[in-house]
C-alpha cells in the first residue's frame, strides 16, 4: 500500500511538472506572438510615417524662448479643452523648406494618419484596413493616394471625442 501511495505521489509530481511546462510553453508562445504583432504593427505605422516630426519638434523646443506659447496655455478655450473628459488625439506636422519630402501632401497626410493610429486601437484598425486595401492578395501593392487619405483621417478621427 505504501508503495502504491508513493507511486501515485510520484505520478502527481510528474503531472504537475508537465502542467508547469505546458503553461511555460503557452506563455512563451503568447510572448512570441505579441512580439511578432508588435513588429508588424510598427512596420505598418512606419510605412505611413513618411516624415518624422519629432526631430523638428525637439529642435524648435531647444530654440524657443522659455515663455513662448505661454499665452496659449492661459487661454480659456485651451484650458477648457484640457479639462474635458473623453478621448482626444493630437497630431502635428512640420513643413520644412530644407526637406522637400516634408512639403509633399501625401507625406503630410500619411504622417498625420500614422500619429492618430498610435493613439487608439480603433484608429489603428482603420489604418490597418486601408493598408490591406493597398495590398490585395495575389496583386501588386499600390501606394496610398492623396485623395483617399482625408477620408481615412476623418474615419480615424471619428474614434476620438476631439482631435487637434
Foldseek 3Di string as FASTA:
>chain_A
DVVVVVVVVVVVVVVVVVVVVVVVVVVVVVVVVVVVVVVVLVVLLVLLQQDDCVVVVVVVVVPDDPCPPVVVCVDPVNVVVVPDDWFEFEADADQDPVDVSSVDLSNVLSNRLSRLLVRDVQSVVLSVVVQCVQPDPPDDGDDDDSVCSVVSNVSSRVVTPYYD
